[in-house]
Amino acid sequence: PDYNGLIVRSATKVNAEVIKAAFNLEIIGRAGTGTDNIDAVAASEAGVVVMNTPGGNTNSAAEHTCALLLATCRNLPNRHSELMNGEWNRVNGIELQGKTIGIIGLGRIG
């Protein structure tokens, strides 16, 4: 086969059997944080480099966190469920004017 690299996401498991069968393999790249889905010992024994992209989705994750925070303030998950059940309950949630909200966490996002 004409390949030298393998790019995977978190759901793709790269075990020793896969690495052994990929005889041209030089590098395995994990799109995202962590490499726990890749058999790093088998890769090392085969001379295959394993790497990841830990900051690749930082902006997207931070934006999603802000969106979920706003959705929670307006109680959107419950409103959506009610609408899907044919109900229309006019509830406004809270407005953010005059309030302070924040994100407490660790790492690049929190």
PDB file of N, CA and C in Angstrom:
ATOM      1  N   PRO A   1       0.818  -1.208   0.000  1.00  0.00           N
ATOM      2  CA  PRO A   1       0.000   0.000   0.000  1.00  0.00           C
ATOM      3  C   PRO A   1       0.858   1.266   0.000  1.00  0.00           C
ATOM      4  N   ASP A   2       0.351   2.296  -0.653  1.00  0.00           N
ATOM      5  CA  ASP A   2       1.084   3.553  -0.771  1.00  0.00           C
ATOM      6  C   ASP A   2       0.652   4.544   0.293  1.00  0.00           C
ATOM      7  N   TYR A   3       1.090   4.352   1.487  1.00  0.00           N
ATOM      8  CA  TYR A   3       0.798   5.273   2.576  1.00  0.00           C
ATOM      9  C   TYR A   3       1.957   5.233   3.556  1.00  0.00           C
ATOM     10  N   ASN A   4       2.103   6.318   4.292  1.00  0.00           N
ATOM     11  CA  ASN A   4       3.133   6.377   5.322  1.00  0.00           C
ATOM     12  C   ASN A   4       2.583   6.893   6.644  1.00  0.00           C
ATOM     13  N   GLY A   5       1.367   7.420   6.610  1.00  0.00           N
ATOM     14  CA  GLY A   5       0.798   7.990   7.813  1.00  0.00           C
ATOM     15  C   GLY A   5      -0.650   7.588   8.008  1.00  0.00           C
ATOM     16  N   LEU A   6      -1.081   7.676   9.264  1.00  0.00           N
ATOM     17  CA  LEU A   6      -2.455   7.361   9.636  1.00  0.00           C
ATOM     18  C   LEU A   6      -2.952   8.463  10.547  1.00  0.00           C
ATOM     19  N   ILE A   7      -4.089   9.052  10.211  1.00  0.00           N
ATOM     20  CA  ILE A   7      -4.686  10.104  11.035  1.00  0.00           C
ATOM     21  C   ILE A   7      -5.990   9.555  11.589  1.00  0.00           C
ATOM     22  N   VAL A   8      -6.153   9.626  12.912  1.00  0.00           N
ATOM     23  CA  VAL A   8      -7.330   9.057  13.560  1.00  0.00           C
ATOM     24  C   VAL A   8      -7.976  10.057  14.511  1.00  0.00           C
ATOM     25  N   ARG A   9      -9.232   9.783  14.850  1.00  0.00           N
ATOM     26  CA  ARG A   9      -9.960  10.528  15.872  1.00  0.00           C
ATOM     27  C   ARG A   9     -10.045   9.641  17.109  1.00  0.00           C
ATOM     28  N   SER A  10     -10.726  10.092  18.124  1.00  0.00           N
ATOM     29  CA  SER A  10     -10.758   9.367  19.389  1.00  0.00           C
ATOM     30  C   SER A  10     -11.464   8.011  19.300  1.00  0.00           C
ATOM     31  N   ALA A  11     -12.427   7.852  18.416  1.00  0.00           N
ATOM     32  CA  ALA A  11     -13.179   6.598  18.338  1.00  0.00           C
ATOM     33  C   ALA A  11     -12.421   5.491  17.609  1.00  0.00           C
ATOM     34  N   THR A  12     -11.371   5.838  16.884  1.00  0.00           N
ATOM     35  CA  THR A  12     -10.614   4.852  16.122  1.00  0.00           C
ATOM     36  C   THR A  12      -9.528   4.242  17.004  1.00  0.00           C
ATOM     37  N   LYS A  13      -9.579   2.940  17.166  1.00  0.00           N
ATOM     38  CA  LYS A  13      -8.588   2.235  17.982  1.00  0.00           C
ATOM     39  C   LYS A  13      -7.477   1.705  17.078  1.00  0.00           C
ATOM     40  N   VAL A  14      -6.248   2.058  17.401  1.00  0.00           N
ATOM     41  CA  VAL A  14      -5.094   1.581  16.644  1.00  0.00           C
ATOM     42  C   VAL A  14      -4.308   0.651  17.560  1.00  0.00           C
ATOM     43  N   ASN A  15      -4.535  -0.652  17.393  1.00  0.00           N
ATOM     44  CA  ASN A  15      -3.876  -1.632  18.260  1.00  0.00           C
ATOM     45  C   ASN A  15      -2.646  -2.214  17.560  1.00  0.00           C
ATOM     46  N   ALA A  16      -1.975  -3.144  18.242  1.00  0.00           N
ATOM     47  CA  ALA A  16      -0.755  -3.751  17.719  1.00  0.00           C
ATOM     48  C   ALA A  16      -1.004  -4.458  16.386  1.00  0.00           C
ATOM     49  N   GLU A  17      -2.162  -5.069  16.245  1.00  0.00           N
ATOM     50  CA  GLU A  17      -2.495  -5.774  15.001  1.00  0.00           C
ATOM     51  C   GLU A  17      -2.549  -4.811  13.817  1.00  0.00           C
ATOM     52  N   VAL A  18      -3.157  -3.649  14.011  1.00  0.00           N
ATOM     53  CA  VAL A  18      -3.238  -2.637  12.943  1.00  0.00           C
ATOM     54  C   VAL A  18      -1.845  -2.139  12.590  1.00  0.00           C
ATOM     55  N   ILE A  19      -1.061  -1.857  13.616  1.00  0.00           N
ATOM     56  CA  ILE A  19       0.286  -1.324  13.391  1.00  0.00           C
ATOM     57  C   ILE A  19       1.156  -2.349  12.659  1.00  0.00           C
ATOM     58  N   LYS A  20       1.048  -3.595  13.038  1.00  0.00           N
ATOM     59  CA  LYS A  20       1.834  -4.656  12.395  1.00  0.00           C
ATOM     60  C   LYS A  20       1.440  -4.822  10.926  1.00  0.00           C
ATOM     61  N   ALA A  21       0.158  -4.701  10.621  1.00  0.00           N
ATOM     62  CA  ALA A  21      -0.320  -4.865   9.245  1.00  0.00           C
ATOM     63  C   ALA A  21       0.062  -3.683   8.350  1.00  0.00           C
ATOM     64  N   ALA A  22       0.304  -2.542   8.949  1.00  0.00           N
ATOM     65  CA  ALA A  22       0.631  -1.330   8.185  1.00  0.00           C
ATOM     66  C   ALA A  22       2.151  -1.214   8.059  1.00  0.00           C
ATOM     67  N   PHE A  23       2.726  -2.020   7.179  1.00  0.00           N
ATOM     68  CA  PHE A  23       4.183  -2.143   7.126  1.00  0.00           C
ATOM     69  C   PHE A  23       4.907  -0.900   6.613  1.00  0.00           C
ATOM     70  N   ASN A  24       4.224   0.013   5.930  1.00  0.00           N
ATOM     71  CA  ASN A  24       4.849   1.264   5.479  1.00  0.00           C
ATOM     72  C   ASN A  24       4.666   2.411   6.473  1.00  0.00           C
ATOM     73  N   LEU A  25       3.966   2.154   7.544  1.00  0.00           N
ATOM     74  CA  LEU A  25       3.574   3.210   8.473  1.00  0.00           C
ATOM     75  C   LEU A  25       4.779   3.841   9.164  1.00  0.00           C
ATOM     76  N   GLU A  26       4.826   5.179   9.132  1.00  0.00           N
ATOM     77  CA  GLU A  26       5.888   5.929   9.790  1.00  0.00           C
ATOM     78  C   GLU A  26       5.359   6.809  10.918  1.00  0.00           C
ATOM     79  N   ILE A  27       4.087   7.236  10.808  1.00  0.00           N
ATOM     80  CA  ILE A  27       3.542   8.167  11.792  1.00  0.00           C
ATOM     81  C   ILE A  27       2.045   7.934  11.973  1.00  0.00           C
ATOM     82  N   ILE A  28       1.593   8.079  13.214  1.00  0.00           N
ATOM     83  CA  ILE A  28       0.168   8.051  13.526  1.00  0.00           C
ATOM     84  C   ILE A  28      -0.157   9.384  14.178  1.00  0.00           C
ATOM     85  N   GLY A  29      -1.069  10.114  13.591  1.00  0.00           N
ATOM     86  CA  GLY A  29      -1.480  11.408  14.127  1.00  0.00           C
ATOM     87  C   GLY A  29      -2.879  11.318  14.696  1.00  0.00           C
ATOM     88  N   ARG A  30      -3.033  11.806  15.893  1.00  0.00           N
ATOM     89  CA  ARG A  30      -4.345  11.824  16.556  1.00  0.00           C
ATOM     90  C   ARG A  30      -4.888  13.242  16.480  1.00  0.00           C
ATOM     91  N   ALA A  31      -6.013  13.428  15.812  1.00  0.00           N
ATOM     92  CA  ALA A  31      -6.644  14.744  15.710  1.00  0.00           C
ATOM     93  C   ALA A  31      -7.344  15.040  17.027  1.00  0.00           C
ATOM     94  N   GLY A  32      -6.703  15.792  17.897  1.00  0.00           N
ATOM     95  CA  GLY A  32      -7.261  16.125  19.199  1.00  0.00           C
ATOM     96  C   GLY A  32      -6.279  15.820  20.313  1.00  0.00           C
ATOM     97  N   THR A  33      -6.786  15.853  21.516  1.00  0.00           N
ATOM     98  CA  THR A  33      -5.968  15.645  22.701  1.00  0.00           C
ATOM     99  C   THR A  33      -5.902  14.164  23.052  1.00  0.00           C
ATOM    100  N   GLY A  34      -4.751  13.725  23.516  1.00  0.00           N
ATOM    101  CA  GLY A  34      -4.604  12.353  23.998  1.00  0.00           C
ATOM    102  C   GLY A  34      -4.306  11.362  22.902  1.00  0.00           C
ATOM    103  N   THR A  35      -3.680  10.271  23.309  1.00  0.00           N
ATOM    104  CA  THR A  35      -3.368   9.191  22.371  1.00  0.00           C
ATOM    105  C   THR A  35      -3.703   7.838  22.998  1.00  0.00           C
ATOM    106  N   ASP A  36      -4.636   7.823  23.933  1.00  0.00           N
ATOM    107  CA  ASP A  36      -4.966   6.587  24.633  1.00  0.00           C
ATOM    108  C   ASP A  36      -5.642   5.548  23.741  1.00  0.00           C
ATOM    109  N   ASN A  37      -6.064   5.930  22.558  1.00  0.00           N
ATOM    110  CA  ASN A  37      -6.668   4.981  21.623  1.00  0.00           C
ATOM    111  C   ASN A  37      -5.633   4.349  20.689  1.00  0.00           C
ATOM    112  N   ILE A  38      -4.369   4.675  20.918  1.00  0.00           N
ATOM    113  CA  ILE A  38      -3.281   4.162  20.083  1.00  0.00           C
ATOM    114  C   ILE A  38      -2.335   3.342  20.966  1.00  0.00           C
ATOM    115  N   ASP A  39      -1.971   2.166  20.518  1.00  0.00           N
ATOM    116  CA  ASP A  39      -1.021   1.332  21.254  1.00  0.00           C
ATOM    117  C   ASP A  39       0.375   1.912  21.043  1.00  0.00           C
ATOM    118  N   ALA A  40       0.780   2.788  21.964  1.00  0.00           N
ATOM    119  CA  ALA A  40       2.046   3.499  21.839  1.00  0.00           C
ATOM    120  C   ALA A  40       3.245   2.559  21.946  1.00  0.00           C
ATOM    121  N   VAL A  41       3.136   1.500  22.739  1.00  0.00           N
ATOM    122  CA  VAL A  41       4.235   0.541  22.878  1.00  0.00           C
ATOM    123  C   VAL A  41       4.461  -0.185  21.552  1.00  0.00           C
ATOM    124  N   ALA A  42       3.389  -0.672  20.952  1.00  0.00           N
ATOM    125  CA  ALA A  42       3.511  -1.370  19.660  1.00  0.00           C
ATOM    126  C   ALA A  42       4.036  -0.420  18.585  1.00  0.00           C
ATOM    127  N   ALA A  43       3.581   0.817  18.618  1.00  0.00           N
ATOM    128  CA  ALA A  43       4.053   1.804  17.641  1.00  0.00           C
ATOM    129  C   ALA A  43       5.545   2.055  17.818  1.00  0.00           C
ATOM    130  N   SER A  44       5.976   2.234  19.046  1.00  0.00           N
ATOM    131  CA  SER A  44       7.394   2.476  19.332  1.00  0.00           C
ATOM    132  C   SER A  44       8.255   1.294  18.888  1.00  0.00           C
ATOM    133  N   GLU A  45       7.796   0.097  19.182  1.00  0.00           N
ATOM    134  CA  GLU A  45       8.536  -1.102  18.775  1.00  0.00           C
ATOM    135  C   GLU A  45       8.650  -1.211  17.260  1.00  0.00           C
ATOM    136  N   ALA A  46       7.653  -0.690  16.537  1.00  0.00           N
ATOM    137  CA  ALA A  46       7.665  -0.727  15.068  1.00  0.00           C
ATOM    138  C   ALA A  46       8.360   0.498  14.477  1.00  0.00           C
ATOM    139  N   GLY A  47       8.849   1.391  15.333  1.00  0.00           N
ATOM    140  CA  GLY A  47       9.520   2.592  14.844  1.00  0.00           C
ATOM    141  C   GLY A  47       8.564   3.638  14.304  1.00  0.00           C
ATOM    142  N   VAL A  48       7.308   3.603  14.752  1.00  0.00           N
ATOM    143  CA  VAL A  48       6.274   4.527  14.279  1.00  0.00           C
ATOM    144  C   VAL A  48       6.118   5.662  15.290  1.00  0.00           C
ATOM    145  N   VAL A  49       6.158   6.886  14.814  1.00  0.00           N
ATOM    146  CA  VAL A  49       5.980   8.057  15.657  1.00  0.00           C
ATOM    147  C   VAL A  49       4.490   8.256  15.933  1.00  0.00           C
ATOM    148  N   VAL A  50       4.153   8.561  17.187  1.00  0.00           N
ATOM    149  CA  VAL A  50       2.772   8.856  17.572  1.00  0.00           C
ATOM    150  C   VAL A  50       2.724  10.293  18.052  1.00  0.00           C
ATOM    151  N   MET A  51       1.790  11.062  17.495  1.00  0.00           N
ATOM    152  CA  MET A  51       1.654  12.461  17.911  1.00  0.00           C
ATOM    153  C   MET A  51       0.185  12.861  17.957  1.00  0.00           C
ATOM    154  N   ASN A  52      -0.095  13.988  18.609  1.00  0.00           N
ATOM    155  CA  ASN A  52      -1.465  14.492  18.670  1.00  0.00           C
ATOM    156  C   ASN A  52      -1.488  15.997  18.435  1.00  0.00           C
ATOM    157  N   THR A  53      -2.677  16.569  18.433  1.00  0.00           N
ATOM    158  CA  THR A  53      -2.856  18.015  18.232  1.00  0.00           C
ATOM    159  C   THR A  53      -3.672  18.567  19.390  1.00  0.00           C
ATOM    160  N   PRO A  54      -3.055  18.743  20.554  1.00  0.00           N
ATOM    161  CA  PRO A  54      -3.819  19.091  21.752  1.00  0.00           C
ATOM    162  C   PRO A  54      -4.549  20.417  21.694  1.00  0.00           C
ATOM    163  N   GLY A  55      -4.082  21.371  20.938  1.00  0.00           N
ATOM    164  CA  GLY A  55      -4.750  22.674  20.890  1.00  0.00           C
ATOM    165  C   GLY A  55      -5.660  22.845  19.687  1.00  0.00           C
ATOM    166  N   GLY A  56      -5.850  21.799  18.919  1.00  0.00           N
ATOM    167  CA  GLY A  56      -6.587  21.892  17.663  1.00  0.00           C
ATOM    168  C   GLY A  56      -8.026  22.341  17.788  1.00  0.00           C
ATOM    169  N   ASN A  57      -8.687  22.029  18.884  1.00  0.00           N
ATOM    170  CA  ASN A  57     -10.098  22.390  19.009  1.00  0.00           C
ATOM    171  C   ASN A  57     -10.354  23.349  20.174  1.00  0.00           C
ATOM    172  N   THR A  58      -9.329  24.045  20.636  1.00  0.00           N
ATOM    173  CA  THR A  58      -9.474  24.937  21.789  1.00  0.00           C
ATOM    174  C   THR A  58     -10.516  26.022  21.551  1.00  0.00           C
ATOM    175  N   ASN A  59     -10.431  26.723  20.433  1.00  0.00           N
ATOM    176  CA  ASN A  59     -11.399  27.795  20.157  1.00  0.00           C
ATOM    177  C   ASN A  59     -12.819  27.257  20.049  1.00  0.00           C
ATOM    178  N   SER A  60     -12.966  26.158  19.343  1.00  0.00           N
ATOM    179  CA  SER A  60     -14.291  25.563  19.170  1.00  0.00           C
ATOM    180  C   SER A  60     -14.882  25.131  20.510  1.00  0.00           C
ATOM    181  N   ALA A  61     -14.077  24.514  21.353  1.00  0.00           N
ATOM    182  CA  ALA A  61     -14.570  24.070  22.656  1.00  0.00           C
ATOM    183  C   ALA A  61     -14.937  25.257  23.542  1.00  0.00           C
ATOM    184  N   ALA A  62     -14.149  26.324  23.493  1.00  0.00           N
ATOM    185  CA  ALA A  62     -14.451  27.516  24.291  1.00  0.00           C
ATOM    186  C   ALA A  62     -15.746  28.174  23.812  1.00  0.00           C
ATOM    187  N   GLU A  63     -15.932  28.270  22.504  1.00  0.00           N
ATOM    188  CA  GLU A  63     -17.164  28.843  21.960  1.00  0.00           C
ATOM    189  C   GLU A  63     -18.373  27.994  22.326  1.00  0.00           C
ATOM    190  N   HIS A  64     -18.220  26.681  22.267  1.00  0.00           N
ATOM    191  CA  HIS A  64     -19.318  25.784  22.608  1.00  0.00           C
ATOM    192  C   HIS A  64     -19.675  25.931  24.092  1.00  0.00           C
ATOM    193  N   THR A  65     -18.677  26.087  24.933  1.00  0.00           N
ATOM    194  CA  THR A  65     -18.907  26.291  26.366  1.00  0.00           C
ATOM    195  C   THR A  65     -19.721  27.559  26.599  1.00  0.00           C
ATOM    196  N   CYS A  66     -19.366  28.642  25.912  1.00  0.00           N
ATOM    197  CA  CYS A  66     -20.112  29.900  26.048  1.00  0.00           C
ATOM    198  C   CYS A  66     -21.549  29.731  25.562  1.00  0.00           C
ATOM    199  N   ALA A  67     -21.732  29.019  24.457  1.00  0.00           N
ATOM    200  CA  ALA A  67     -23.083  28.788  23.931  1.00  0.00           C
ATOM    201  C   ALA A  67     -23.924  27.993  24.917  1.00  0.00           C
ATOM    202  N   LEU A  68     -23.339  26.964  25.519  1.00  0.00           N
ATOM    203  CA  LEU A  68     -24.078  26.161  26.501  1.00  0.00           C
ATOM    204  C   LEU A  68     -24.399  26.967  27.753  1.00  0.00           C
ATOM    205  N   LEU A  69     -23.507  27.859  28.142  1.00  0.00           N
ATOM    206  CA  LEU A  69     -23.751  28.723  29.294  1.00  0.00           C
ATOM    207  C   LEU A  69     -24.957  29.626  29.038  1.00  0.00           C
ATOM    208  N   LEU A  70     -25.010  30.219  27.858  1.00  0.00           N
ATOM    209  CA  LEU A  70     -26.151  31.069  27.504  1.00  0.00           C
ATOM    210  C   LEU A  70     -27.437  30.257  27.392  1.00  0.00           C
ATOM    211  N   ALA A  71     -27.356  29.064  26.825  1.00  0.00           N
ATOM    212  CA  ALA A  71     -28.536  28.203  26.698  1.00  0.00           C
ATOM    213  C   ALA A  71     -29.073  27.823  28.068  1.00  0.00           C
ATOM    214  N   THR A  72     -28.165  27.590  29.005  1.00  0.00           N
ATOM    215  CA  THR A  72     -28.581  27.245  30.368  1.00  0.00           C
ATOM    216  C   THR A  72     -29.274  28.422  31.041  1.00  0.00           C
ATOM    217  N   CYS A  73     -28.755  29.622  30.828  1.00  0.00           N
ATOM    218  CA  CYS A  73     -29.383  30.817  31.416  1.00  0.00           C
ATOM    219  C   CYS A  73     -30.826  30.972  30.945  1.00  0.00           C
ATOM    220  N   ARG A  74     -31.088  30.620  29.714  1.00  0.00           N
ATOM    221  CA  ARG A  74     -32.431  30.737  29.150  1.00  0.00           C
ATOM    222  C   ARG A  74     -33.229  29.440  29.249  1.00  0.00           C
ATOM    223  N   ASN A  75     -32.646  28.436  29.881  1.00  0.00           N
ATOM    224  CA  ASN A  75     -33.314  27.157  30.101  1.00  0.00           C
ATOM    225  C   ASN A  75     -33.762  26.516  28.780  1.00  0.00           C
ATOM    226  N   LEU A  76     -32.917  26.657  27.754  1.00  0.00           N
ATOM    227  CA  LEU A  76     -33.280  26.176  26.417  1.00  0.00           C
ATOM    228  C   LEU A  76     -33.477  24.664  26.322  1.00  0.00           C
ATOM    229  N   PRO A  77     -32.707  23.849  27.017  1.00  0.00           N
ATOM    230  CA  PRO A  77     -32.960  22.400  26.890  1.00  0.00           C
ATOM    231  C   PRO A  77     -34.395  22.015  27.287  1.00  0.00           C
ATOM    232  N   ASN A  78     -34.903  22.591  28.387  1.00  0.00           N
ATOM    233  CA  ASN A  78     -36.277  22.283  28.804  1.00  0.00           C
ATOM    234  C   ASN A  78     -37.297  22.866  27.826  1.00  0.00           C
ATOM    235  N   ARG A  79     -37.051  24.088  27.357  1.00  0.00           N
ATOM    236  CA  ARG A  79     -37.985  24.711  26.405  1.00  0.00           C
ATOM    237  C   ARG A  79     -38.054  23.884  25.124  1.00  0.00           C
ATOM    238  N   HIS A  80     -36.903  23.393  24.654  1.00  0.00           N
ATOM    239  CA  HIS A  80     -36.873  22.582  23.442  1.00  0.00           C
ATOM    240  C   HIS A  80     -37.674  21.294  23.642  1.00  0.00           C
ATOM    241  N   SER A  81     -37.459  20.642  24.763  1.00  0.00           N
ATOM    242  CA  SER A  81     -38.188  19.402  25.061  1.00  0.00           C
ATOM    243  C   SER A  81     -39.695  19.643  25.086  1.00  0.00           C
ATOM    244  N   GLU A  82     -40.109  20.754  25.701  1.00  0.00           N
ATOM    245  CA  GLU A  82     -41.538  21.076  25.753  1.00  0.00           C
ATOM    246  C   GLU A  82     -42.100  21.303  24.356  1.00  0.00           C
ATOM    247  N   LEU A  83     -41.364  22.038  23.532  1.00  0.00           N
ATOM    248  CA  LEU A  83     -41.829  22.286  22.161  1.00  0.00           C
ATOM    249  C   LEU A  83     -41.958  20.995  21.375  1.00  0.00           C
ATOM    250  N   MET A  84     -41.007  20.082  21.558  1.00  0.00           N
ATOM    251  CA  MET A  84     -41.066  18.801  20.850  1.00  0.00           C
ATOM    252  C   MET A  84     -42.264  17.972  21.305  1.00  0.00           C
ATOM    253  N   ASN A  85     -42.774  18.244  22.502  1.00  0.00           N
ATOM    254  CA  ASN A  85     -43.968  17.558  23.019  1.00  0.00           C
ATOM    255  C   ASN A  85     -45.250  18.341  22.742  1.00  0.00           C
ATOM    256  N   GLY A  86     -45.145  19.389  21.908  1.00  0.00           N
ATOM    257  CA  GLY A  86     -46.316  20.163  21.529  1.00  0.00           C
ATOM    258  C   GLY A  86     -46.746  21.198  22.556  1.00  0.00           C
ATOM    259  N   GLU A  87     -45.902  21.486  23.516  1.00  0.00           N
ATOM    260  CA  GLU A  87     -46.246  22.468  24.553  1.00  0.00           C
ATOM    261  C   GLU A  87     -45.621  23.821  24.225  1.00  0.00           C
ATOM    262  N   TRP A  88     -46.268  24.881  24.672  1.00  0.00           N
ATOM    263  CA  TRP A  88     -45.706  26.225  24.539  1.00  0.00           C
ATOM    264  C   TRP A  88     -45.873  26.931  25.884  1.00  0.00           C
ATOM    265  N   ASN A  89     -44.842  26.825  26.696  1.00  0.00           N
ATOM    266  CA  ASN A  89     -44.840  27.465  28.011  1.00  0.00           C
ATOM    267  C   ASN A  89     -43.928  28.678  27.946  1.00  0.00           C
ATOM    268  N   ARG A  90     -44.532  29.840  28.044  1.00  0.00           N
ATOM    269  CA  ARG A  90     -43.755  31.074  27.901  1.00  0.00           C
ATOM    270  C   ARG A  90     -42.998  31.348  29.204  1.00  0.00           C
ATOM    271  N   VAL A  91     -41.739  30.934  29.210  1.00  0.00           N
ATOM    272  CA  VAL A  91     -40.850  31.158  30.344  1.00  0.00           C
ATOM    273  C   VAL A  91     -39.589  31.807  29.784  1.00  0.00           C
ATOM    274  N   ASN A  92     -39.185  32.923  30.336  1.00  0.00           N
ATOM    275  CA  ASN A  92     -38.079  33.685  29.770  1.00  0.00           C
ATOM    276  C   ASN A  92     -36.699  33.287  30.271  1.00  0.00           C
ATOM    277  N   GLY A  93     -36.589  32.622  31.392  1.00  0.00           N
ATOM    278  CA  GLY A  93     -35.260  32.358  31.937  1.00  0.00           C
ATOM    279  C   GLY A  93     -34.721  33.625  32.575  1.00  0.00           C
ATOM    280  N   ILE A  94     -33.412  33.739  32.637  1.00  0.00           N
ATOM    281  CA  ILE A  94     -32.827  34.949  33.233  1.00  0.00           C
ATOM    282  C   ILE A  94     -32.139  35.770  32.157  1.00  0.00           C
ATOM    283  N   GLU A  95     -32.127  37.077  32.358  1.00  0.00           N
ATOM    284  CA  GLU A  95     -31.374  37.962  31.478  1.00  0.00           C
ATOM    285  C   GLU A  95     -30.028  38.239  32.116  1.00  0.00           C
ATOM    286  N   LEU A  96     -29.028  38.448  31.307  1.00  0.00           N
ATOM    287  CA  LEU A  96     -27.678  38.624  31.815  1.00  0.00           C
ATOM    288  C   LEU A  96     -27.334  40.068  32.171  1.00  0.00           C
ATOM    289  N   GLN A  97     -28.157  41.005  31.755  1.00  0.00           N
ATOM    290  CA  GLN A  97     -27.870  42.405  32.044  1.00  0.00           C
ATOM    291  C   GLN A  97     -27.744  42.615  33.552  1.00  0.00           C
ATOM    292  N   GLY A  98     -26.636  43.212  33.960  1.00  0.00           N
ATOM    293  CA  GLY A  98     -26.396  43.496  35.366  1.00  0.00           C
ATOM    294  C   GLY A  98     -25.870  42.317  36.161  1.00  0.00           C
ATOM    295  N   LYS A  99     -25.590  41.224  35.493  1.00  0.00           N
ATOM    296  CA  LYS A  99     -25.104  40.030  36.177  1.00  0.00           C
ATOM    297  C   LYS A  99     -23.679  39.709  35.725  1.00  0.00           C
ATOM    298  N   THR A 100     -22.997  38.944  36.516  1.00  0.00           N
ATOM    299  CA  THR A 100     -21.657  38.484  36.172  1.00  0.00           C
ATOM    300  C   THR A 100     -21.698  36.972  36.019  1.00  0.00           C
ATOM    301  N   ILE A 101     -21.215  36.498  34.887  1.00  0.00           N
ATOM    302  CA  ILE A 101     -21.107  35.051  34.685  1.00  0.00           C
ATOM    303  C   ILE A 101     -19.653  34.741  34.373  1.00  0.00           C
ATOM    304  N   GLY A 102     -19.267  33.513  34.559  1.00  0.00           N
ATOM    305  CA  GLY A 102     -17.889  33.144  34.294  1.00  0.00           C
ATOM    306  C   GLY A 102     -17.738  31.658  34.119  1.00  0.00           C
ATOM    307  N   ILE A 103     -16.558  31.288  33.712  1.00  0.00           N
ATOM    308  CA  ILE A 103     -16.206  29.883  33.521  1.00  0.00           C
ATOM    309  C   ILE A 103     -15.037  29.584  34.452  1.00  0.00           C
ATOM    310  N   ILE A 104     -15.211  28.587  35.277  1.00  0.00           N
ATOM    311  CA  ILE A 104     -14.143  28.161  36.170  1.00  0.00           C
ATOM    312  C   ILE A 104     -13.712  26.777  35.719  1.00  0.00           C
ATOM    313  N   GLY A 105     -12.455  26.611  35.462  1.00  0.00           N
ATOM    314  CA  GLY A 105     -11.971  25.322  35.007  1.00  0.00           C
ATOM    315  C   GLY A 105     -10.476  25.286  34.930  1.00  0.00           C
ATOM    316  N   LEU A 106      -9.972  24.296  34.240  1.00  0.00           N
ATOM    317  CA  LEU A 106      -8.529  24.107  34.105  1.00  0.00           C
ATOM    318  C   LEU A 106      -8.147  23.991  32.640  1.00  0.00           C
ATOM    319  N   GLY A 107      -6.876  24.176  32.376  1.00  0.00           N
ATOM    320  CA  GLY A 107      -6.372  23.970  31.025  1.00  0.00           C
ATOM    321  C   GLY A 107      -6.562  25.172  30.125  1.00  0.00           C
ATOM    322  N   ARG A 108      -6.617  24.908  28.829  1.00  0.00           N
ATOM    323  CA  ARG A 108      -6.677  25.974  27.836  1.00  0.00           C
ATOM    324  C   ARG A 108      -8.038  26.642  27.741  1.00  0.00           C
ATOM    325  N   ILE A 109      -9.069  25.990  28.245  1.00  0.00           N
ATOM    326  CA  ILE A 109     -10.412  26.489  28.023  1.00  0.00           C
ATOM    327  C   ILE A 109     -10.979  27.202  29.237  1.00  0.00           C
ATOM    328  N   GLY A 110     -10.814  26.627  30.408  1.00  0.00           N
ATOM    329  CA  GLY A 110     -11.434  27.169  31.605  1.00  0.00           C
ATOM    330  C   GLY A 110     -10.670  28.234  32.290  1.00  0.00           C
TER     331      GLY A 110
END
